[in-house]
Amino acid sequence: MPRDPIPFATGDVSALARSLRAQWASRASPPSHVEMLNMLARAAGHRNFQQFRARGDRRPPALPQPPVDADTEADTEANTGADTGAVLRAARFFDTEGRLRRWPAQRSIQDPCLWAIWARIPAGRRFDEREVSALLATLHLFGDPAILRRTMCHIGLMTRTPDGREYRRIEGPPSPEGAALIRLLRAPAH
């Protein structure tokens, strides 16, 4: 099971209680942890916990919710092409200060995370390996700036000279998910 908190809310606690009671009454023994998660998800209107987790908005509690108004409605999934689920999953990897807490295992999550880091690297500046490593060390918490450097060079967010002495950010538009994550991490707290 995930270690990150997954918020759970219901519009009608009475209906939730009735559903849980009915599901529990049909059992011969108390449910296991996973069965209880599935019962809660079904009571909230989902098929099972997996569907609830996949559809849920799981930003860390300290991360701000982006405002929904006329200006930000234009940035919805339909208009930007961003996979909202991927953006929200990527957001879970950042702390409240916008630092990457751990390296995502899935490439579909790594890319938006790297775009968010790319956005915090000064444009037009050249770095030696020690400088770029020091900068990247301030932007993550898992102690491996080399994986960030190498992956960013590999996917074309940074370039380095053949001898590896000089690095610089490559300018270009972020992917839709990367742009959405950058906006989300920069959103002011409410």
N, C-alpha and C. Protein backbone atom coordinates (compact mmCIF):
# COMPACT_ATOMS: atom_id res chain seq x y z
N MET A 1 0.84 -1.18 0.00
CA MET A 1 0.00 0.00 0.00
C MET A 1 0.88 1.24 0.00
N PRO A 2 0.39 2.35 -0.57
CA PRO A 2 1.19 3.57 -0.62
C PRO A 2 1.41 4.13 0.77
N ARG A 3 2.55 4.79 0.95
CA ARG A 3 2.85 5.41 2.24
C ARG A 3 2.40 6.86 2.27
N ASP A 4 2.18 7.45 1.12
CA ASP A 4 1.73 8.82 1.07
C ASP A 4 0.26 8.89 1.48
N PRO A 5 -0.14 9.95 2.20
CA PRO A 5 -1.54 10.05 2.62
C PRO A 5 -2.46 10.22 1.41
N ILE A 6 -3.59 9.55 1.49
CA ILE A 6 -4.61 9.67 0.46
C ILE A 6 -5.86 10.20 1.14
N PRO A 7 -6.25 11.44 0.85
CA PRO A 7 -7.41 12.02 1.52
C PRO A 7 -8.69 11.25 1.20
N PHE A 8 -9.57 11.19 2.17
CA PHE A 8 -10.86 10.54 1.99
C PHE A 8 -11.92 11.48 2.51
N ALA A 9 -12.91 11.78 1.70
CA ALA A 9 -14.00 12.65 2.12
C ALA A 9 -15.30 12.07 1.59
N THR A 10 -16.37 12.34 2.28
CA THR A 10 -17.68 11.89 1.84
C THR A 10 -18.67 13.03 2.02
N GLY A 11 -19.61 13.12 1.10
CA GLY A 11 -20.63 14.15 1.19
C GLY A 11 -21.70 13.81 2.21
N ASP A 12 -21.88 12.53 2.49
CA ASP A 12 -22.94 12.11 3.41
C ASP A 12 -22.42 11.00 4.30
N VAL A 13 -22.03 11.34 5.52
CA VAL A 13 -21.47 10.35 6.43
C VAL A 13 -22.49 9.30 6.82
N SER A 14 -23.77 9.66 6.83
CA SER A 14 -24.81 8.70 7.16
C SER A 14 -24.90 7.61 6.09
N ALA A 15 -24.86 8.00 4.83
CA ALA A 15 -24.89 7.02 3.73
C ALA A 15 -23.63 6.16 3.77
N LEU A 16 -22.50 6.75 4.10
CA LEU A 16 -21.26 6.00 4.22
C LEU A 16 -21.40 4.93 5.31
N ALA A 17 -21.93 5.33 6.46
CA ALA A 17 -22.10 4.39 7.57
C ALA A 17 -23.06 3.26 7.19
N ARG A 18 -24.17 3.58 6.51
CA ARG A 18 -25.13 2.55 6.09
C ARG A 18 -24.47 1.55 5.14
N SER A 19 -23.70 2.08 4.18
CA SER A 19 -23.04 1.21 3.21
C SER A 19 -22.02 0.30 3.90
N LEU A 20 -21.22 0.87 4.78
CA LEU A 20 -20.23 0.06 5.51
C LEU A 20 -20.92 -1.01 6.36
N ARG A 21 -22.01 -0.62 7.03
CA ARG A 21 -22.74 -1.58 7.88
C ARG A 21 -23.27 -2.74 7.05
N ALA A 22 -23.85 -2.42 5.87
CA ALA A 22 -24.40 -3.47 5.00
C ALA A 22 -23.29 -4.39 4.49
N GLN A 23 -22.17 -3.81 4.09
CA GLN A 23 -21.07 -4.62 3.59
C GLN A 23 -20.49 -5.50 4.70
N TRP A 24 -20.39 -4.96 5.90
CA TRP A 24 -19.83 -5.71 7.02
C TRP A 24 -20.78 -6.82 7.45
N ALA A 25 -22.09 -6.54 7.39
CA ALA A 25 -23.09 -7.53 7.82
C ALA A 25 -23.08 -8.77 6.92
N SER A 26 -22.66 -8.61 5.67
CA SER A 26 -22.66 -9.74 4.74
C SER A 26 -21.42 -10.63 4.93
N ARG A 27 -20.58 -10.30 5.88
CA ARG A 27 -19.33 -11.04 6.09
C ARG A 27 -19.44 -11.95 7.31
N ALA A 28 -18.70 -13.02 7.29
CA ALA A 28 -18.67 -13.95 8.43
C ALA A 28 -17.62 -13.54 9.45
N SER A 29 -16.58 -12.82 9.00
CA SER A 29 -15.50 -12.41 9.90
C SER A 29 -15.12 -10.96 9.58
N PRO A 30 -14.42 -10.29 10.48
CA PRO A 30 -14.00 -8.91 10.21
C PRO A 30 -13.12 -8.84 8.96
N PRO A 31 -13.22 -7.74 8.21
CA PRO A 31 -12.43 -7.61 6.97
C PRO A 31 -10.95 -7.37 7.27
N SER A 32 -10.12 -7.79 6.33
CA SER A 32 -8.69 -7.49 6.41
C SER A 32 -8.49 -6.01 6.08
N HIS A 33 -7.26 -5.56 6.20
CA HIS A 33 -6.94 -4.16 5.89
C HIS A 33 -7.35 -3.81 4.45
N VAL A 34 -6.94 -4.63 3.50
CA VAL A 34 -7.25 -4.37 2.10
C VAL A 34 -8.76 -4.45 1.85
N GLU A 35 -9.42 -5.42 2.46
CA GLU A 35 -10.88 -5.52 2.30
C GLU A 35 -11.57 -4.29 2.88
N MET A 36 -11.06 -3.77 4.00
CA MET A 36 -11.65 -2.57 4.59
C MET A 36 -11.44 -1.37 3.68
N LEU A 37 -10.27 -1.25 3.06
CA LEU A 37 -10.03 -0.17 2.09
C LEU A 37 -11.02 -0.27 0.93
N ASN A 38 -11.25 -1.48 0.44
CA ASN A 38 -12.22 -1.67 -0.65
C ASN A 38 -13.63 -1.32 -0.20
N MET A 39 -13.99 -1.68 1.03
CA MET A 39 -15.31 -1.34 1.55
C MET A 39 -15.50 0.18 1.63
N LEU A 40 -14.49 0.88 2.13
CA LEU A 40 -14.57 2.34 2.21
C LEU A 40 -14.71 2.96 0.81
N ALA A 41 -13.92 2.45 -0.12
CA ALA A 41 -13.98 2.97 -1.49
C ALA A 41 -15.35 2.73 -2.10
N ARG A 42 -15.90 1.52 -1.92
CA ARG A 42 -17.25 1.23 -2.46
C ARG A 42 -18.30 2.12 -1.81
N ALA A 43 -18.17 2.36 -0.50
CA ALA A 43 -19.12 3.22 0.20
C ALA A 43 -19.08 4.65 -0.32
N ALA A 44 -17.92 5.05 -0.84
CA ALA A 44 -17.78 6.40 -1.40
C ALA A 44 -18.13 6.45 -2.89
N GLY A 45 -18.59 5.31 -3.45
CA GLY A 45 -19.05 5.30 -4.83
C GLY A 45 -18.05 4.81 -5.86
N HIS A 46 -16.97 4.20 -5.43
CA HIS A 46 -15.97 3.66 -6.36
C HIS A 46 -16.12 2.14 -6.44
N ARG A 47 -15.57 1.56 -7.51
CA ARG A 47 -15.62 0.09 -7.64
C ARG A 47 -14.81 -0.60 -6.57
N ASN A 48 -13.61 -0.06 -6.30
CA ASN A 48 -12.71 -0.64 -5.31
C ASN A 48 -11.66 0.41 -4.94
N PHE A 49 -10.78 0.05 -4.03
CA PHE A 49 -9.77 1.00 -3.56
C PHE A 49 -8.82 1.41 -4.68
N GLN A 50 -8.49 0.48 -5.54
CA GLN A 50 -7.58 0.79 -6.65
C GLN A 50 -8.15 1.90 -7.53
N GLN A 51 -9.44 1.82 -7.85
CA GLN A 51 -10.07 2.86 -8.65
C GLN A 51 -10.10 4.19 -7.88
N PHE A 52 -10.42 4.12 -6.59
CA PHE A 52 -10.43 5.33 -5.76
C PHE A 52 -9.05 5.99 -5.77
N ARG A 53 -8.02 5.19 -5.58
CA ARG A 53 -6.65 5.71 -5.55
C ARG A 53 -6.26 6.30 -6.90
N ALA A 54 -6.68 5.65 -7.99
CA ALA A 54 -6.32 6.13 -9.32
C ALA A 54 -7.04 7.44 -9.65
N ARG A 55 -8.26 7.60 -9.18
CA ARG A 55 -9.04 8.80 -9.49
C ARG A 55 -8.86 9.91 -8.47
N GLY A 56 -8.38 9.56 -7.29
CA GLY A 56 -8.32 10.53 -6.20
C GLY A 56 -7.34 11.65 -6.45
N ASP A 57 -7.61 12.80 -5.86
CA ASP A 57 -6.71 13.95 -5.88
C ASP A 57 -5.81 13.82 -4.67
N ARG A 58 -4.58 13.36 -4.87
CA ARG A 58 -3.73 13.01 -3.74
C ARG A 58 -2.57 13.97 -3.56
N ARG A 59 -2.77 15.27 -3.78
CA ARG A 59 -1.69 16.20 -3.49
C ARG A 59 -1.37 16.11 -2.01
N PRO A 60 -0.13 16.24 -1.63
CA PRO A 60 0.17 16.28 -0.20
C PRO A 60 -0.61 17.42 0.44
N PRO A 61 -1.07 17.26 1.67
CA PRO A 61 -1.89 18.29 2.29
C PRO A 61 -1.25 19.67 2.28
N ALA A 62 0.08 19.76 2.38
CA ALA A 62 0.74 21.05 2.44
C ALA A 62 0.83 21.73 1.07
N LEU A 63 0.66 20.98 -0.03
CA LEU A 63 0.72 21.60 -1.34
C LEU A 63 -0.59 22.31 -1.60
N PRO A 64 -0.54 23.50 -2.19
CA PRO A 64 -1.76 24.25 -2.43
C PRO A 64 -2.61 23.62 -3.52
N GLN A 65 -3.89 23.80 -3.39
CA GLN A 65 -4.81 23.40 -4.45
C GLN A 65 -4.84 24.56 -5.43
N PRO A 66 -4.68 24.31 -6.73
CA PRO A 66 -4.72 25.43 -7.66
C PRO A 66 -6.12 26.01 -7.71
N PRO A 67 -6.22 27.35 -7.78
CA PRO A 67 -7.54 27.95 -7.83
C PRO A 67 -8.23 27.61 -9.15
N VAL A 68 -9.53 27.48 -9.11
CA VAL A 68 -10.30 27.22 -10.32
C VAL A 68 -11.12 28.47 -10.58
N ASP A 69 -10.66 29.26 -11.53
CA ASP A 69 -11.38 30.46 -11.92
C ASP A 69 -11.29 30.59 -13.43
N ALA A 70 -11.74 31.69 -13.96
CA ALA A 70 -11.75 31.85 -15.42
C ALA A 70 -10.36 31.75 -16.02
N ASP A 71 -9.34 32.27 -15.30
CA ASP A 71 -7.98 32.24 -15.83
C ASP A 71 -7.40 30.83 -15.85
N THR A 72 -7.67 30.05 -14.80
CA THR A 72 -7.06 28.73 -14.73
C THR A 72 -7.89 27.65 -15.41
N GLU A 73 -9.15 27.94 -15.72
CA GLU A 73 -9.94 26.94 -16.43
C GLU A 73 -9.35 26.62 -17.79
N ALA A 74 -8.66 27.61 -18.37
CA ALA A 74 -8.03 27.38 -19.67
C ALA A 74 -6.89 26.39 -19.57
N ASP A 75 -6.41 26.13 -18.35
CA ASP A 75 -5.30 25.20 -18.14
C ASP A 75 -5.77 23.80 -17.77
N THR A 76 -7.00 23.47 -18.04
CA THR A 76 -7.50 22.15 -17.70
C THR A 76 -6.94 21.11 -18.64
N GLU A 77 -7.12 19.87 -18.28
CA GLU A 77 -6.62 18.75 -19.08
C GLU A 77 -7.10 18.83 -20.52
N ALA A 78 -8.36 19.17 -20.71
CA ALA A 78 -8.91 19.20 -22.07
C ALA A 78 -8.20 20.23 -22.94
N ASN A 79 -7.79 21.35 -22.35
CA ASN A 79 -7.18 22.41 -23.13
C ASN A 79 -5.66 22.28 -23.26
N THR A 80 -5.00 21.67 -22.30
CA THR A 80 -3.54 21.59 -22.34
C THR A 80 -3.04 20.25 -22.85
N GLY A 81 -3.88 19.24 -22.79
CA GLY A 81 -3.46 17.90 -23.17
C GLY A 81 -2.72 17.19 -22.05
N ALA A 82 -2.61 17.82 -20.88
CA ALA A 82 -1.89 17.21 -19.76
C ALA A 82 -2.70 16.08 -19.16
N ASP A 83 -2.01 15.03 -18.78
CA ASP A 83 -2.61 13.91 -18.05
C ASP A 83 -2.65 14.33 -16.58
N THR A 84 -3.83 14.74 -16.12
CA THR A 84 -3.98 15.24 -14.77
C THR A 84 -3.53 14.22 -13.74
N GLY A 85 -3.85 12.95 -13.96
CA GLY A 85 -3.43 11.90 -13.02
C GLY A 85 -1.92 11.84 -12.88
N ALA A 86 -1.20 11.92 -14.00
CA ALA A 86 0.26 11.89 -13.95
C ALA A 86 0.80 13.11 -13.22
N VAL A 87 0.19 14.26 -13.44
CA VAL A 87 0.64 15.48 -12.77
C VAL A 87 0.44 15.36 -11.26
N LEU A 88 -0.71 14.84 -10.84
CA LEU A 88 -0.98 14.70 -9.41
C LEU A 88 -0.07 13.64 -8.78
N ARG A 89 0.19 12.56 -9.52
CA ARG A 89 1.12 11.55 -8.99
C ARG A 89 2.52 12.15 -8.84
N ALA A 90 2.93 12.94 -9.82
CA ALA A 90 4.26 13.57 -9.76
C ALA A 90 4.33 14.56 -8.60
N ALA A 91 3.26 15.29 -8.35
CA ALA A 91 3.25 16.28 -7.26
C ALA A 91 3.50 15.62 -5.91
N ARG A 92 3.11 14.37 -5.75
CA ARG A 92 3.31 13.66 -4.49
C ARG A 92 4.79 13.45 -4.17
N PHE A 93 5.64 13.57 -5.18
CA PHE A 93 7.07 13.35 -4.97
C PHE A 93 7.80 14.60 -4.47
N PHE A 94 7.09 15.72 -4.35
CA PHE A 94 7.71 16.97 -3.92
C PHE A 94 7.27 17.35 -2.52
N ASP A 95 8.20 17.98 -1.78
CA ASP A 95 7.84 18.47 -0.45
C ASP A 95 7.23 19.87 -0.59
N THR A 96 6.90 20.49 0.53
CA THR A 96 6.25 21.80 0.50
C THR A 96 7.14 22.91 -0.04
N GLU A 97 8.45 22.69 -0.06
CA GLU A 97 9.37 23.68 -0.60
C GLU A 97 9.71 23.40 -2.07
N GLY A 98 9.04 22.44 -2.67
CA GLY A 98 9.26 22.13 -4.08
C GLY A 98 10.47 21.28 -4.35
N ARG A 99 10.98 20.58 -3.33
CA ARG A 99 12.13 19.70 -3.51
C ARG A 99 11.64 18.28 -3.78
N LEU A 100 12.32 17.61 -4.70
CA LEU A 100 11.98 16.23 -5.03
C LEU A 100 12.39 15.34 -3.87
N ARG A 101 11.42 14.66 -3.25
CA ARG A 101 11.70 13.87 -2.05
C ARG A 101 12.36 12.54 -2.37
N ARG A 102 11.98 11.90 -3.48
CA ARG A 102 12.58 10.62 -3.88
C ARG A 102 12.47 10.49 -5.38
N TRP A 103 13.28 9.60 -5.93
CA TRP A 103 13.32 9.39 -7.37
C TRP A 103 12.17 8.48 -7.78
N PRO A 104 11.28 8.92 -8.66
CA PRO A 104 10.17 8.07 -9.08
C PRO A 104 10.66 6.88 -9.90
N ALA A 105 10.02 5.75 -9.71
CA ALA A 105 10.40 4.55 -10.46
C ALA A 105 9.84 4.58 -11.88
N GLN A 106 8.69 5.19 -12.07
CA GLN A 106 8.05 5.19 -13.38
C GLN A 106 8.54 6.36 -14.23
N ARG A 107 8.88 6.07 -15.46
CA ARG A 107 9.35 7.11 -16.38
C ARG A 107 8.28 8.17 -16.61
N SER A 108 7.01 7.75 -16.62
CA SER A 108 5.93 8.71 -16.86
C SER A 108 5.82 9.73 -15.73
N ILE A 109 6.37 9.43 -14.57
CA ILE A 109 6.38 10.36 -13.45
C ILE A 109 7.71 11.11 -13.41
N GLN A 110 8.79 10.45 -13.80
CA GLN A 110 10.11 11.09 -13.79
C GLN A 110 10.13 12.33 -14.68
N ASP A 111 9.56 12.23 -15.88
CA ASP A 111 9.64 13.34 -16.83
C ASP A 111 9.03 14.63 -16.30
N PRO A 112 7.78 14.63 -15.80
CA PRO A 112 7.26 15.89 -15.25
C PRO A 112 8.08 16.38 -14.06
N CYS A 113 8.57 15.46 -13.23
CA CYS A 113 9.40 15.86 -12.09
C CYS A 113 10.67 16.56 -12.57
N LEU A 114 11.28 16.04 -13.62
CA LEU A 114 12.49 16.66 -14.15
C LEU A 114 12.20 18.02 -14.76
N TRP A 115 11.03 18.18 -15.39
CA TRP A 115 10.66 19.50 -15.91
C TRP A 115 10.53 20.50 -14.77
N ALA A 116 9.97 20.07 -13.63
CA ALA A 116 9.83 20.97 -12.48
C ALA A 116 11.20 21.38 -11.95
N ILE A 117 12.16 20.47 -11.96
CA ILE A 117 13.52 20.81 -11.55
C ILE A 117 14.18 21.72 -12.59
N TRP A 118 13.99 21.38 -13.86
CA TRP A 118 14.53 22.19 -14.97
C TRP A 118 14.10 23.65 -14.81
N ALA A 119 12.84 23.88 -14.42
CA ALA A 119 12.31 25.24 -14.31
C ALA A 119 13.04 26.05 -13.24
N ARG A 120 13.71 25.38 -12.32
CA ARG A 120 14.41 26.08 -11.23
C ARG A 120 15.90 26.25 -11.51
N ILE A 121 16.35 25.81 -12.67
CA ILE A 121 17.75 26.00 -13.08
C ILE A 121 17.81 27.31 -13.87
N PRO A 122 18.70 28.22 -13.51
CA PRO A 122 18.78 29.50 -14.23
C PRO A 122 19.04 29.30 -15.73
N ALA A 123 18.25 30.00 -16.54
CA ALA A 123 18.41 29.92 -17.99
C ALA A 123 19.64 30.70 -18.43
N GLY A 124 20.31 30.20 -19.46
CA GLY A 124 21.44 30.90 -20.05
C GLY A 124 22.73 30.85 -19.26
N ARG A 125 22.73 30.15 -18.16
CA ARG A 125 23.95 30.08 -17.33
C ARG A 125 24.68 28.77 -17.60
N ARG A 126 25.98 28.84 -17.63
CA ARG A 126 26.81 27.65 -17.78
C ARG A 126 27.33 27.24 -16.40
N PHE A 127 27.33 25.93 -16.15
CA PHE A 127 27.76 25.38 -14.87
C PHE A 127 28.87 24.38 -15.10
N ASP A 128 29.83 24.30 -14.17
CA ASP A 128 30.73 23.15 -14.21
C ASP A 128 30.03 22.04 -13.43
N GLU A 129 30.60 20.84 -13.44
CA GLU A 129 29.92 19.69 -12.82
C GLU A 129 29.67 19.92 -11.34
N ARG A 130 30.61 20.50 -10.66
CA ARG A 130 30.45 20.75 -9.22
C ARG A 130 29.31 21.74 -8.96
N GLU A 131 29.22 22.80 -9.77
CA GLU A 131 28.17 23.80 -9.59
C GLU A 131 26.78 23.23 -9.87
N VAL A 132 26.65 22.48 -10.96
CA VAL A 132 25.34 21.92 -11.27
C VAL A 132 24.94 20.89 -10.23
N SER A 133 25.89 20.11 -9.74
CA SER A 133 25.59 19.14 -8.68
C SER A 133 25.15 19.84 -7.41
N ALA A 134 25.81 20.94 -7.07
CA ALA A 134 25.44 21.70 -5.87
C ALA A 134 24.03 22.28 -6.01
N LEU A 135 23.72 22.80 -7.19
CA LEU A 135 22.38 23.34 -7.42
C LEU A 135 21.34 22.23 -7.32
N LEU A 136 21.59 21.12 -8.00
CA LEU A 136 20.64 20.00 -7.96
C LEU A 136 20.48 19.45 -6.55
N ALA A 137 21.52 19.51 -5.74
CA ALA A 137 21.44 19.03 -4.35
C ALA A 137 20.45 19.85 -3.54
N THR A 138 20.27 21.12 -3.91
CA THR A 138 19.30 21.96 -3.20
C THR A 138 17.87 21.71 -3.67
N LEU A 139 17.72 21.01 -4.79
CA LEU A 139 16.40 20.81 -5.38
C LEU A 139 15.83 19.41 -5.14
N HIS A 140 16.60 18.56 -4.43
CA HIS A 140 16.09 17.22 -4.13
C HIS A 140 16.60 16.78 -2.75
N LEU A 141 15.99 15.71 -2.24
CA LEU A 141 16.30 15.27 -0.88
C LEU A 141 16.88 13.86 -0.79
N PHE A 142 17.06 13.18 -1.92
CA PHE A 142 17.51 11.79 -1.86
C PHE A 142 18.99 11.61 -2.10
N GLY A 143 19.73 12.70 -2.24
CA GLY A 143 21.19 12.64 -2.26
C GLY A 143 21.84 12.05 -3.49
N ASP A 144 21.23 12.20 -4.67
CA ASP A 144 21.84 11.65 -5.88
C ASP A 144 21.71 12.64 -7.03
N PRO A 145 22.49 13.74 -7.00
CA PRO A 145 22.39 14.70 -8.10
C PRO A 145 22.86 14.12 -9.43
N ALA A 146 23.67 13.08 -9.38
CA ALA A 146 24.18 12.49 -10.63
C ALA A 146 23.04 11.90 -11.46
N ILE A 147 22.08 11.25 -10.82
CA ILE A 147 20.98 10.67 -11.59
C ILE A 147 20.14 11.76 -12.24
N LEU A 148 19.99 12.89 -11.53
CA LEU A 148 19.24 14.01 -12.11
C LEU A 148 20.01 14.60 -13.29
N ARG A 149 21.32 14.82 -13.11
CA ARG A 149 22.15 15.37 -14.19
C ARG A 149 22.12 14.48 -15.43
N ARG A 150 22.39 13.19 -15.21
CA ARG A 150 22.46 12.26 -16.34
C ARG A 150 21.11 12.16 -17.06
N THR A 151 20.03 12.03 -16.30
CA THR A 151 18.72 11.85 -16.92
C THR A 151 18.29 13.12 -17.65
N MET A 152 18.57 14.27 -17.06
CA MET A 152 18.21 15.52 -17.73
C MET A 152 18.99 15.69 -19.03
N CYS A 153 20.25 15.28 -19.05
CA CYS A 153 21.03 15.33 -20.30
C CYS A 153 20.50 14.31 -21.30
N HIS A 154 20.15 13.13 -20.81
CA HIS A 154 19.68 12.06 -21.68
C HIS A 154 18.37 12.42 -22.39
N ILE A 155 17.45 13.08 -21.68
CA ILE A 155 16.16 13.38 -22.30
C ILE A 155 16.11 14.77 -22.93
N GLY A 156 17.24 15.49 -22.90
CA GLY A 156 17.34 16.75 -23.62
C GLY A 156 16.91 18.00 -22.85
N LEU A 157 16.94 17.95 -21.53
CA LEU A 157 16.63 19.14 -20.74
C LEU A 157 17.89 19.94 -20.41
N MET A 158 19.02 19.24 -20.44
CA MET A 158 20.32 19.88 -20.23
C MET A 158 21.29 19.32 -21.27
N THR A 159 22.35 20.06 -21.48
CA THR A 159 23.41 19.58 -22.34
C THR A 159 24.73 19.68 -21.58
N ARG A 160 25.66 18.84 -21.98
CA ARG A 160 27.00 18.92 -21.39
C ARG A 160 28.01 18.75 -22.51
N THR A 161 29.18 19.31 -22.29
CA THR A 161 30.24 19.17 -23.27
C THR A 161 30.71 17.72 -23.26
N PRO A 162 31.34 17.26 -24.34
CA PRO A 162 31.79 15.86 -24.39
C PRO A 162 32.71 15.46 -23.23
N ASP A 163 33.48 16.40 -22.71
CA ASP A 163 34.35 16.07 -21.59
C ASP A 163 33.63 16.17 -20.24
N GLY A 164 32.36 16.58 -20.25
CA GLY A 164 31.56 16.65 -19.03
C GLY A 164 31.90 17.81 -18.12
N ARG A 165 32.64 18.79 -18.62
CA ARG A 165 33.06 19.91 -17.77
C ARG A 165 32.03 21.02 -17.69
N GLU A 166 31.17 21.14 -18.68
CA GLU A 166 30.25 22.27 -18.71
C GLU A 166 28.83 21.79 -18.99
N TYR A 167 27.89 22.31 -18.21
CA TYR A 167 26.48 21.97 -18.34
C TYR A 167 25.69 23.25 -18.52
N ARG A 168 24.58 23.15 -19.24
CA ARG A 168 23.66 24.27 -19.33
C ARG A 168 22.26 23.74 -19.62
N ARG A 169 21.29 24.51 -19.22
CA ARG A 169 19.89 24.16 -19.44
C ARG A 169 19.56 24.40 -20.91
N ILE A 170 18.83 23.47 -21.51
CA ILE A 170 18.37 23.64 -22.88
C ILE A 170 16.99 24.28 -22.83
N GLU A 171 16.82 25.36 -23.56
CA GLU A 171 15.54 26.07 -23.56
C GLU A 171 14.55 25.40 -24.50
N GLY A 172 13.33 25.35 -24.08
CA GLY A 172 12.26 24.78 -24.88
C GLY A 172 11.00 24.71 -24.05
N PRO A 173 9.87 24.51 -24.70
CA PRO A 173 8.62 24.44 -23.94
C PRO A 173 8.50 23.11 -23.20
N PRO A 174 8.07 23.15 -21.94
CA PRO A 174 7.87 21.90 -21.19
C PRO A 174 6.76 21.06 -21.81
N SER A 175 6.78 19.78 -21.50
CA SER A 175 5.68 18.91 -21.89
C SER A 175 4.41 19.42 -21.20
N PRO A 176 3.22 19.03 -21.67
CA PRO A 176 1.99 19.48 -21.00
C PRO A 176 1.98 19.11 -19.51
N GLU A 177 2.42 17.88 -19.19
CA GLU A 177 2.45 17.46 -17.78
C GLU A 177 3.49 18.26 -17.00
N GLY A 178 4.66 18.49 -17.63
CA GLY A 178 5.71 19.28 -16.98
C GLY A 178 5.23 20.70 -16.69
N ALA A 179 4.59 21.33 -17.67
CA ALA A 179 4.08 22.69 -17.49
C ALA A 179 3.02 22.74 -16.39
N ALA A 180 2.13 21.75 -16.37
CA ALA A 180 1.09 21.71 -15.33
C ALA A 180 1.70 21.52 -13.95
N LEU A 181 2.72 20.67 -13.84
CA LEU A 181 3.37 20.45 -12.54
C LEU A 181 4.13 21.70 -12.10
N ILE A 182 4.79 22.37 -13.02
CA ILE A 182 5.49 23.62 -12.68
C ILE A 182 4.49 24.63 -12.13
N ARG A 183 3.33 24.79 -12.78
CA ARG A 183 2.31 25.72 -12.30
C ARG A 183 1.79 25.30 -10.93
N LEU A 184 1.56 24.01 -10.76
CA LEU A 184 1.03 23.52 -9.49
C LEU A 184 2.00 23.78 -8.34
N LEU A 185 3.28 23.52 -8.56
CA LEU A 185 4.27 23.71 -7.51
C LEU A 185 4.52 25.20 -7.21
N ARG A 186 4.24 26.05 -8.17
CA ARG A 186 4.42 27.50 -7.96
C ARG A 186 3.18 28.17 -7.42
N ALA A 187 2.04 27.47 -7.39
CA ALA A 187 0.78 28.07 -6.95
C ALA A 187 0.91 28.55 -5.51
N PRO A 188 0.42 29.75 -5.21
CA PRO A 188 0.52 30.26 -3.84
C PRO A 188 -0.38 29.46 -2.91
N ALA A 189 0.03 29.37 -1.65
CA ALA A 189 -0.78 28.68 -0.64
C ALA A 189 -2.01 29.53 -0.34
N HIS A 190 -3.12 28.86 -0.08
CA HIS A 190 -4.37 29.57 0.23
C HIS A 190 -4.61 29.60 1.71
